[in-house]
N, C-alpha and C. Protein backbone atom coordinates (compact mmCIF):
# COMPACT_ATOMS: atom_id res chain seq x y z
N MET A 1 -138.69 67.07 -14.36
CA MET A 1 -137.44 66.74 -14.84
C MET A 1 -137.58 65.27 -15.48
N SER A 2 -136.87 65.10 -16.56
CA SER A 2 -137.03 63.76 -17.23
C SER A 2 -136.15 62.73 -16.57
N ASP A 3 -136.58 61.41 -16.70
CA ASP A 3 -135.89 60.24 -16.16
C ASP A 3 -134.70 59.96 -16.94
N LYS A 4 -134.59 60.51 -18.26
CA LYS A 4 -133.43 60.24 -19.04
C LYS A 4 -132.18 61.02 -18.70
N SER A 5 -131.14 60.38 -18.88
CA SER A 5 -129.83 61.05 -18.52
C SER A 5 -128.75 60.62 -19.48
N TRP A 6 -127.85 61.51 -19.67
CA TRP A 6 -126.63 61.14 -20.49
C TRP A 6 -125.64 60.36 -19.70
N ALA A 7 -125.94 60.19 -18.44
CA ALA A 7 -124.84 59.44 -17.54
C ALA A 7 -125.10 57.99 -17.89
N SER A 8 -124.05 57.24 -17.71
CA SER A 8 -123.91 55.79 -18.05
C SER A 8 -124.70 54.89 -16.93
N SER A 9 -124.76 55.42 -15.73
CA SER A 9 -125.47 54.80 -14.69
C SER A 9 -125.95 55.71 -13.59
N ALA A 10 -126.78 55.19 -12.73
CA ALA A 10 -127.31 56.12 -11.64
C ALA A 10 -126.17 56.55 -10.78
N GLY A 11 -125.09 55.75 -10.55
CA GLY A 11 -123.96 56.11 -9.70
C GLY A 11 -123.16 57.23 -10.40
N VAL A 12 -123.01 57.13 -11.71
CA VAL A 12 -122.21 58.09 -12.40
C VAL A 12 -123.00 59.48 -12.35
N ARG A 13 -124.30 59.32 -12.65
CA ARG A 13 -125.25 60.51 -12.52
C ARG A 13 -125.08 61.23 -11.18
N LYS A 14 -125.17 60.41 -10.15
CA LYS A 14 -125.15 61.02 -8.92
C LYS A 14 -123.72 61.76 -8.54
N SER A 15 -122.74 61.09 -8.96
CA SER A 15 -121.30 61.60 -8.89
C SER A 15 -121.20 62.94 -9.63
N MET A 16 -121.78 62.99 -10.85
CA MET A 16 -121.58 64.18 -11.69
C MET A 16 -122.47 65.31 -11.08
N GLN A 17 -123.58 65.00 -10.55
CA GLN A 17 -124.40 66.09 -10.02
C GLN A 17 -123.77 66.64 -8.74
N ALA A 18 -122.96 65.94 -8.12
CA ALA A 18 -122.24 66.37 -6.91
C ALA A 18 -121.15 67.40 -7.26
N ASN A 19 -120.60 67.27 -8.49
CA ASN A 19 -119.58 68.22 -8.92
C ASN A 19 -120.08 69.68 -9.05
N THR A 20 -119.51 70.56 -8.42
CA THR A 20 -119.82 71.92 -8.51
C THR A 20 -118.85 72.72 -9.29
N GLY A 21 -119.21 73.90 -9.83
CA GLY A 21 -118.42 74.73 -10.63
C GLY A 21 -117.58 75.66 -9.80
N ARG A 22 -117.99 75.76 -8.49
CA ARG A 22 -117.18 76.72 -7.65
C ARG A 22 -117.36 76.19 -6.12
N ASP A 23 -116.48 76.88 -5.37
CA ASP A 23 -116.59 76.56 -3.90
C ASP A 23 -116.28 75.07 -3.58
N THR A 24 -115.37 74.46 -4.39
CA THR A 24 -114.97 73.02 -4.07
C THR A 24 -114.03 73.09 -2.91
N LYS A 25 -113.79 71.88 -2.28
CA LYS A 25 -112.95 71.75 -1.03
C LYS A 25 -111.58 72.39 -1.32
N PRO A 26 -110.95 72.01 -2.53
CA PRO A 26 -109.63 72.58 -2.77
C PRO A 26 -109.68 74.13 -2.87
N GLU A 27 -110.73 74.63 -3.55
CA GLU A 27 -110.79 76.11 -3.74
C GLU A 27 -110.92 76.73 -2.23
N LEU A 28 -111.93 76.21 -1.57
CA LEU A 28 -112.09 76.80 -0.22
C LEU A 28 -110.76 76.77 0.59
N ALA A 29 -110.08 75.65 0.57
CA ALA A 29 -108.78 75.54 1.34
C ALA A 29 -107.80 76.61 0.90
N LEU A 30 -107.70 76.72 -0.43
CA LEU A 30 -106.73 77.58 -1.04
C LEU A 30 -107.12 79.09 -0.64
N ARG A 31 -108.36 79.40 -0.76
CA ARG A 31 -108.89 80.80 -0.47
C ARG A 31 -108.59 81.11 1.00
N ARG A 32 -108.84 80.20 1.88
CA ARG A 32 -108.51 80.34 3.36
C ARG A 32 -107.06 80.56 3.55
N ALA A 33 -106.19 79.83 2.90
CA ALA A 33 -104.77 79.95 3.11
C ALA A 33 -104.25 81.26 2.52
N VAL A 34 -104.80 81.67 1.36
CA VAL A 34 -104.45 82.99 0.84
C VAL A 34 -104.81 84.15 1.66
N HIS A 35 -106.11 84.03 2.21
CA HIS A 35 -106.62 85.03 3.02
C HIS A 35 -105.82 85.21 4.29
N ALA A 36 -105.47 84.08 4.88
CA ALA A 36 -104.71 84.01 6.17
C ALA A 36 -103.33 84.70 6.05
N ARG A 37 -102.83 84.67 4.73
CA ARG A 37 -101.69 85.47 4.48
C ARG A 37 -101.80 86.90 4.21
N GLY A 38 -102.97 87.31 4.44
CA GLY A 38 -103.23 88.77 4.32
C GLY A 38 -103.66 89.30 3.00
N LEU A 39 -103.85 88.43 1.95
CA LEU A 39 -104.21 88.92 0.69
C LEU A 39 -105.69 88.90 0.61
N ARG A 40 -106.25 89.95 -0.12
CA ARG A 40 -107.70 90.03 -0.41
C ARG A 40 -107.85 89.94 -2.00
N TYR A 41 -108.95 89.42 -2.42
CA TYR A 41 -109.21 89.08 -3.86
C TYR A 41 -110.57 88.94 -4.05
N TYR A 42 -110.94 88.83 -5.29
CA TYR A 42 -112.33 88.52 -5.77
C TYR A 42 -112.38 87.08 -6.05
N VAL A 43 -113.55 86.47 -5.94
CA VAL A 43 -113.76 85.03 -6.20
C VAL A 43 -114.69 84.77 -7.34
N ASN A 44 -114.23 83.95 -8.20
CA ASN A 44 -115.09 83.51 -9.33
C ASN A 44 -115.54 84.67 -10.27
N ARG A 45 -114.56 85.41 -10.71
CA ARG A 45 -114.83 86.70 -11.37
C ARG A 45 -114.13 86.63 -12.81
N ARG A 46 -114.68 87.17 -13.85
CA ARG A 46 -114.00 87.16 -15.10
C ARG A 46 -112.97 88.34 -15.14
N PRO A 47 -111.72 87.99 -15.53
CA PRO A 47 -110.75 89.06 -15.66
C PRO A 47 -111.07 89.98 -16.83
N ILE A 48 -111.63 89.44 -17.81
CA ILE A 48 -112.06 90.29 -18.95
C ILE A 48 -113.59 90.05 -19.17
N LYS A 49 -114.33 91.05 -18.95
CA LYS A 49 -115.78 90.88 -19.02
C LYS A 49 -116.36 90.29 -20.22
N ALA A 50 -115.84 90.66 -21.32
CA ALA A 50 -116.29 90.10 -22.61
C ALA A 50 -115.96 88.63 -22.98
N VAL A 51 -115.02 88.13 -22.12
CA VAL A 51 -114.60 86.67 -22.40
C VAL A 51 -115.16 85.86 -21.25
N ARG A 52 -115.83 84.78 -21.64
CA ARG A 52 -116.56 83.86 -20.60
C ARG A 52 -115.52 82.94 -19.99
N ARG A 53 -114.60 83.49 -19.26
CA ARG A 53 -113.66 82.69 -18.52
C ARG A 53 -113.62 83.25 -17.11
N THR A 54 -113.74 82.46 -16.10
CA THR A 54 -113.78 82.92 -14.73
C THR A 54 -112.65 82.48 -13.94
N ALA A 55 -111.91 83.43 -13.32
CA ALA A 55 -110.70 82.96 -12.43
C ALA A 55 -111.27 82.58 -11.19
N ASP A 56 -110.63 81.71 -10.47
CA ASP A 56 -110.93 81.28 -9.09
C ASP A 56 -110.65 82.31 -8.10
N LEU A 57 -109.56 83.01 -8.24
CA LEU A 57 -109.11 84.15 -7.41
C LEU A 57 -108.68 85.23 -8.42
N LEU A 58 -109.08 86.53 -8.11
CA LEU A 58 -108.77 87.60 -9.06
C LEU A 58 -108.17 88.82 -8.32
N PHE A 59 -107.06 89.28 -8.79
CA PHE A 59 -106.44 90.45 -8.18
C PHE A 59 -106.46 91.46 -9.29
N PRO A 60 -107.55 92.34 -9.44
CA PRO A 60 -107.62 93.10 -10.64
C PRO A 60 -106.66 94.29 -10.73
N ARG A 61 -106.33 94.81 -9.47
CA ARG A 61 -105.39 96.03 -9.49
C ARG A 61 -104.02 95.70 -10.15
N ILE A 62 -103.56 94.41 -9.80
CA ILE A 62 -102.28 94.01 -10.38
C ILE A 62 -102.45 93.13 -11.65
N ARG A 63 -103.77 92.93 -11.99
CA ARG A 63 -104.03 92.06 -13.23
C ARG A 63 -103.42 90.69 -13.06
N LEU A 64 -103.83 90.03 -11.94
CA LEU A 64 -103.41 88.66 -11.73
C LEU A 64 -104.66 87.84 -11.53
N ALA A 65 -104.71 86.69 -12.43
CA ALA A 65 -105.80 85.77 -12.37
C ALA A 65 -105.23 84.32 -12.00
N VAL A 66 -105.92 83.79 -10.94
CA VAL A 66 -105.48 82.43 -10.47
C VAL A 66 -106.50 81.47 -10.74
N PHE A 67 -106.08 80.31 -11.41
CA PHE A 67 -107.03 79.25 -11.75
C PHE A 67 -106.55 77.96 -10.99
N LEU A 68 -107.46 77.35 -10.28
CA LEU A 68 -107.19 76.05 -9.60
C LEU A 68 -107.80 75.02 -10.44
N ASP A 69 -106.87 74.29 -11.09
CA ASP A 69 -107.39 73.31 -12.04
C ASP A 69 -107.49 71.88 -11.49
N GLY A 70 -108.65 71.23 -11.65
CA GLY A 70 -108.86 69.93 -11.18
C GLY A 70 -108.02 68.91 -12.05
N CYS A 71 -107.47 67.83 -11.41
CA CYS A 71 -106.63 66.94 -12.04
C CYS A 71 -107.40 66.09 -13.14
N PHE A 72 -108.63 65.70 -12.84
CA PHE A 72 -109.35 64.96 -13.85
C PHE A 72 -109.82 65.86 -14.97
N TRP A 73 -110.45 67.02 -14.64
CA TRP A 73 -111.04 67.89 -15.57
C TRP A 73 -110.03 68.57 -16.59
N HIS A 74 -108.76 68.76 -16.09
CA HIS A 74 -107.83 69.62 -16.79
C HIS A 74 -106.69 68.69 -17.28
N GLY A 75 -106.76 67.34 -17.14
CA GLY A 75 -105.74 66.46 -17.61
C GLY A 75 -104.40 66.54 -16.97
N CYS A 76 -104.32 66.59 -15.67
CA CYS A 76 -103.13 66.66 -14.87
C CYS A 76 -102.14 65.54 -15.39
N PRO A 77 -100.98 66.01 -15.67
CA PRO A 77 -99.98 64.93 -16.22
C PRO A 77 -99.60 63.87 -15.20
N GLU A 78 -99.76 64.16 -13.82
CA GLU A 78 -99.47 63.23 -12.76
C GLU A 78 -100.68 62.38 -12.33
N HIS A 79 -101.85 63.01 -12.29
CA HIS A 79 -103.01 62.30 -11.70
C HIS A 79 -104.28 62.13 -12.52
N HIS A 80 -104.22 62.53 -13.72
CA HIS A 80 -105.36 62.27 -14.58
C HIS A 80 -105.66 60.80 -14.75
N THR A 81 -106.87 60.48 -14.62
CA THR A 81 -107.23 59.05 -14.84
C THR A 81 -108.10 59.01 -16.07
N VAL A 82 -107.99 57.95 -16.79
CA VAL A 82 -108.88 57.72 -18.04
C VAL A 82 -110.17 57.14 -17.61
N ALA A 83 -111.28 57.74 -18.06
CA ALA A 83 -112.57 57.27 -17.68
C ALA A 83 -112.82 55.87 -18.33
N LYS A 84 -113.33 55.04 -17.55
CA LYS A 84 -113.61 53.70 -17.98
C LYS A 84 -114.92 53.54 -18.85
N THR A 85 -115.84 54.43 -18.58
CA THR A 85 -117.07 54.47 -19.29
C THR A 85 -117.08 55.70 -20.13
N ASN A 86 -117.51 55.64 -21.34
CA ASN A 86 -117.65 56.76 -22.28
C ASN A 86 -116.18 57.47 -22.44
N ALA A 87 -115.20 56.63 -22.50
CA ALA A 87 -113.86 57.04 -22.62
C ALA A 87 -113.53 58.15 -23.63
N ALA A 88 -114.05 57.94 -24.84
CA ALA A 88 -113.91 58.83 -25.90
C ALA A 88 -114.57 60.18 -25.64
N PHE A 89 -115.68 60.19 -25.01
CA PHE A 89 -116.41 61.51 -24.67
C PHE A 89 -115.58 62.26 -23.65
N TRP A 90 -115.05 61.57 -22.65
CA TRP A 90 -114.26 62.20 -21.60
C TRP A 90 -112.94 62.69 -22.05
N ALA A 91 -112.30 61.86 -22.93
CA ALA A 91 -110.97 62.30 -23.48
C ALA A 91 -111.24 63.55 -24.26
N ASP A 92 -112.22 63.66 -25.10
CA ASP A 92 -112.53 64.86 -25.84
C ASP A 92 -112.75 66.04 -25.04
N LYS A 93 -113.57 65.76 -23.90
CA LYS A 93 -113.82 66.79 -22.94
C LYS A 93 -112.59 67.48 -22.16
N VAL A 94 -111.78 66.60 -21.81
CA VAL A 94 -110.51 67.03 -21.19
C VAL A 94 -109.63 67.72 -22.13
N ALA A 95 -109.57 67.17 -23.34
CA ALA A 95 -108.85 67.85 -24.45
C ALA A 95 -109.29 69.20 -24.69
N ALA A 96 -110.63 69.38 -24.80
CA ALA A 96 -111.20 70.70 -25.02
C ALA A 96 -110.91 71.61 -23.83
N ASN A 97 -110.96 71.14 -22.55
CA ASN A 97 -110.68 71.95 -21.45
C ASN A 97 -109.15 72.42 -21.49
N ARG A 98 -108.32 71.52 -21.83
CA ARG A 98 -106.90 71.95 -21.87
C ARG A 98 -106.70 72.96 -23.07
N SER A 99 -107.27 72.78 -24.11
CA SER A 99 -107.27 73.78 -25.21
C SER A 99 -107.75 75.12 -24.80
N ARG A 100 -108.89 75.02 -24.12
CA ARG A 100 -109.55 76.38 -23.52
C ARG A 100 -108.53 77.07 -22.50
N ASP A 101 -107.89 76.17 -21.71
CA ASP A 101 -106.95 76.76 -20.74
C ASP A 101 -105.76 77.45 -21.42
N ILE A 102 -105.28 76.85 -22.53
CA ILE A 102 -104.20 77.57 -23.32
C ILE A 102 -104.74 78.79 -23.94
N ASP A 103 -105.98 78.72 -24.49
CA ASP A 103 -106.57 79.95 -25.14
C ASP A 103 -106.78 81.04 -24.02
N THR A 104 -107.18 80.67 -22.87
CA THR A 104 -107.38 81.53 -21.74
C THR A 104 -106.12 82.27 -21.39
N ASN A 105 -105.05 81.46 -21.17
CA ASN A 105 -103.70 82.10 -20.87
C ASN A 105 -103.35 82.98 -21.92
N THR A 106 -103.51 82.75 -23.21
CA THR A 106 -103.15 83.62 -24.24
C THR A 106 -104.02 84.90 -24.28
N ARG A 107 -105.26 84.82 -24.16
CA ARG A 107 -106.11 85.87 -24.17
C ARG A 107 -105.80 86.88 -22.99
N LEU A 108 -105.65 86.27 -21.88
CA LEU A 108 -105.30 87.20 -20.64
C LEU A 108 -103.96 87.78 -20.80
N ALA A 109 -102.95 87.08 -21.27
CA ALA A 109 -101.67 87.65 -21.43
C ALA A 109 -101.65 88.77 -22.49
N ASP A 110 -102.39 88.54 -23.60
CA ASP A 110 -102.49 89.54 -24.54
C ASP A 110 -103.18 90.87 -24.00
N ALA A 111 -103.99 90.69 -23.07
CA ALA A 111 -104.81 91.80 -22.41
C ALA A 111 -103.95 92.32 -21.25
N GLY A 112 -102.77 91.88 -21.00
CA GLY A 112 -101.91 92.46 -19.93
C GLY A 112 -102.03 91.77 -18.57
N TRP A 113 -102.74 90.63 -18.57
CA TRP A 113 -102.89 89.98 -17.34
C TRP A 113 -101.83 88.84 -17.09
N THR A 114 -101.56 88.48 -15.85
CA THR A 114 -100.72 87.37 -15.48
C THR A 114 -101.59 86.36 -15.00
N VAL A 115 -101.22 85.07 -15.41
CA VAL A 115 -102.01 83.88 -15.07
C VAL A 115 -101.19 82.98 -14.25
N VAL A 116 -101.86 82.49 -13.21
CA VAL A 116 -101.14 81.54 -12.26
C VAL A 116 -102.05 80.33 -12.25
N ARG A 117 -101.55 79.12 -12.69
CA ARG A 117 -102.40 78.01 -12.66
C ARG A 117 -101.81 76.99 -11.55
N ILE A 118 -102.81 76.55 -10.81
CA ILE A 118 -102.38 75.61 -9.69
C ILE A 118 -103.23 74.28 -9.79
N TRP A 119 -102.60 73.22 -9.72
CA TRP A 119 -103.28 71.92 -9.75
C TRP A 119 -103.86 71.61 -8.42
N GLU A 120 -105.04 70.95 -8.34
CA GLU A 120 -105.77 70.72 -7.13
C GLU A 120 -104.98 69.77 -6.26
N HIS A 121 -104.01 69.08 -6.72
CA HIS A 121 -103.19 68.10 -5.92
C HIS A 121 -102.12 68.83 -5.12
N GLU A 122 -101.75 70.03 -5.60
CA GLU A 122 -100.63 70.79 -4.89
C GLU A 122 -101.02 71.03 -3.47
N ALA A 123 -100.01 71.03 -2.67
CA ALA A 123 -100.16 71.24 -1.23
C ALA A 123 -100.64 72.72 -1.06
N THR A 124 -101.76 72.93 -0.31
CA THR A 124 -102.43 74.09 -0.11
C THR A 124 -101.52 75.24 0.26
N ASP A 125 -100.64 74.90 1.38
CA ASP A 125 -99.70 75.95 1.75
C ASP A 125 -98.66 76.39 0.72
N GLN A 126 -98.17 75.49 -0.10
CA GLN A 126 -97.30 75.75 -1.26
C GLN A 126 -98.00 76.57 -2.27
N ALA A 127 -99.20 76.17 -2.60
CA ALA A 127 -99.94 77.02 -3.65
C ALA A 127 -100.29 78.34 -3.15
N ALA A 128 -100.57 78.51 -1.86
CA ALA A 128 -100.84 79.91 -1.39
C ALA A 128 -99.49 80.67 -1.48
N GLU A 129 -98.41 80.10 -1.17
CA GLU A 129 -97.20 80.76 -1.20
C GLU A 129 -96.82 81.17 -2.59
N THR A 130 -97.13 80.30 -3.55
CA THR A 130 -96.92 80.62 -5.00
C THR A 130 -97.65 81.85 -5.34
N ILE A 131 -98.97 81.99 -4.85
CA ILE A 131 -99.80 83.24 -5.14
C ILE A 131 -99.24 84.35 -4.41
N VAL A 132 -98.76 84.30 -3.13
CA VAL A 132 -98.22 85.41 -2.43
C VAL A 132 -97.05 85.92 -3.17
N GLU A 133 -96.12 84.94 -3.65
CA GLU A 133 -94.90 85.39 -4.27
C GLU A 133 -95.19 86.22 -5.69
N ALA A 134 -96.24 85.69 -6.36
CA ALA A 134 -96.65 86.34 -7.58
C ALA A 134 -97.23 87.64 -7.30
N VAL A 135 -98.05 87.79 -6.30
CA VAL A 135 -98.65 89.20 -5.85
C VAL A 135 -97.52 90.07 -5.48
N ASN A 136 -96.60 89.67 -4.64
CA ASN A 136 -95.47 90.55 -4.20
C ASN A 136 -94.60 90.96 -5.43
N ARG A 137 -94.28 89.96 -6.31
CA ARG A 137 -93.43 90.39 -7.53
C ARG A 137 -94.20 91.38 -8.31
N MET A 138 -95.56 91.33 -8.53
CA MET A 138 -96.26 92.16 -9.34
C MET A 138 -96.43 93.52 -8.77
N ARG A 139 -96.65 93.51 -7.36
CA ARG A 139 -96.77 94.78 -6.63
C ARG A 139 -95.46 95.57 -6.79
N HIS A 140 -94.42 94.92 -6.63
CA HIS A 140 -93.12 95.61 -6.61
C HIS A 140 -92.62 95.98 -8.08
N ALA A 141 -93.12 95.21 -9.07
CA ALA A 141 -92.73 95.55 -10.38
C ALA A 141 -93.34 96.81 -10.99
N GLY A 142 -94.40 97.22 -10.37
CA GLY A 142 -95.07 98.49 -10.84
C GLY A 142 -95.84 98.34 -11.97
N PRO A 143 -96.27 99.40 -12.65
CA PRO A 143 -97.16 99.32 -13.79
C PRO A 143 -96.59 98.90 -15.06
N HIS A 144 -95.27 98.73 -15.26
CA HIS A 144 -94.66 98.30 -16.37
C HIS A 144 -94.20 96.82 -16.42
N PHE A 145 -94.83 96.12 -15.52
CA PHE A 145 -94.58 94.70 -15.42
C PHE A 145 -95.14 93.97 -16.64
N HIS A 146 -94.31 93.16 -17.39
CA HIS A 146 -94.86 92.25 -18.35
C HIS A 146 -94.16 90.95 -18.41
N SER A 147 -94.77 90.07 -19.31
CA SER A 147 -94.48 88.68 -19.37
C SER A 147 -93.02 88.42 -19.50
N ALA A 148 -92.25 89.25 -20.09
CA ALA A 148 -90.82 89.00 -20.22
C ALA A 148 -90.07 88.81 -18.94
N GLU A 149 -90.70 89.31 -17.86
CA GLU A 149 -90.10 89.20 -16.51
C GLU A 149 -90.48 87.93 -15.81
N GLY A 150 -91.08 87.01 -16.49
CA GLY A 150 -91.27 85.66 -15.99
C GLY A 150 -92.52 85.28 -15.33
N MET A 151 -93.58 86.03 -15.30
CA MET A 151 -94.73 85.62 -14.56
C MET A 151 -95.92 85.49 -15.45
N ASP A 152 -95.79 85.46 -16.74
CA ASP A 152 -96.92 85.50 -17.66
C ASP A 152 -97.93 84.31 -17.33
N ALA A 153 -97.52 83.14 -17.37
CA ALA A 153 -98.40 81.96 -17.03
C ALA A 153 -97.61 80.95 -16.19
N VAL A 154 -97.89 80.87 -14.99
CA VAL A 154 -97.24 80.01 -14.15
C VAL A 154 -97.89 78.72 -14.01
N SER A 155 -97.22 77.67 -14.39
CA SER A 155 -97.70 76.33 -14.31
C SER A 155 -96.72 75.27 -14.42
N ASP A 156 -97.01 74.10 -13.80
CA ASP A 156 -96.03 72.97 -13.86
C ASP A 156 -96.04 72.25 -15.25
N ASP A 157 -97.18 72.62 -15.98
CA ASP A 157 -97.41 71.89 -17.27
C ASP A 157 -97.01 72.79 -18.44
N PRO A 158 -95.99 72.34 -19.17
CA PRO A 158 -95.45 73.20 -20.26
C PRO A 158 -96.44 73.35 -21.41
N GLU A 159 -97.41 72.46 -21.51
CA GLU A 159 -98.39 72.59 -22.60
C GLU A 159 -99.36 73.78 -22.31
N LEU A 160 -99.39 74.25 -21.08
CA LEU A 160 -100.29 75.34 -20.67
C LEU A 160 -99.57 76.71 -20.73
N GLU A 161 -98.32 76.65 -21.05
CA GLU A 161 -97.54 77.98 -21.08
C GLU A 161 -97.50 78.50 -22.47
């Protein structure tokens, strides 16, 4: 491995290497809470195999995809902080993530999926209840459920809808 790094310092490099793409503390807590409420789901799976987008929780029978979005990485309107080093790079990165989130919502909705987006700062129990409510609505709506009934993309951020 090379000694060269794109990171601005050894501390930044160490912090970035510690970031994982899955099984984060908020994800594990949410999965435990949803599981404790009796729901079963797939973890880190693509809703549409041909599209490289992975849902954190997936309920394929009812076509529900749940994404747990990190406040920094997805530009949370309440908690996103501006990077002090390489600010332009990180601003572009977050903007690209937000754009991809919108594209993901659209692609999944077009394919008949419902998207629920949860911010990592949301209380775990409330986030789990949001998922339970969505699952229950969709199970009771039957096979003709669609976005006009209000669950196409659930998010507190209007830019992601």
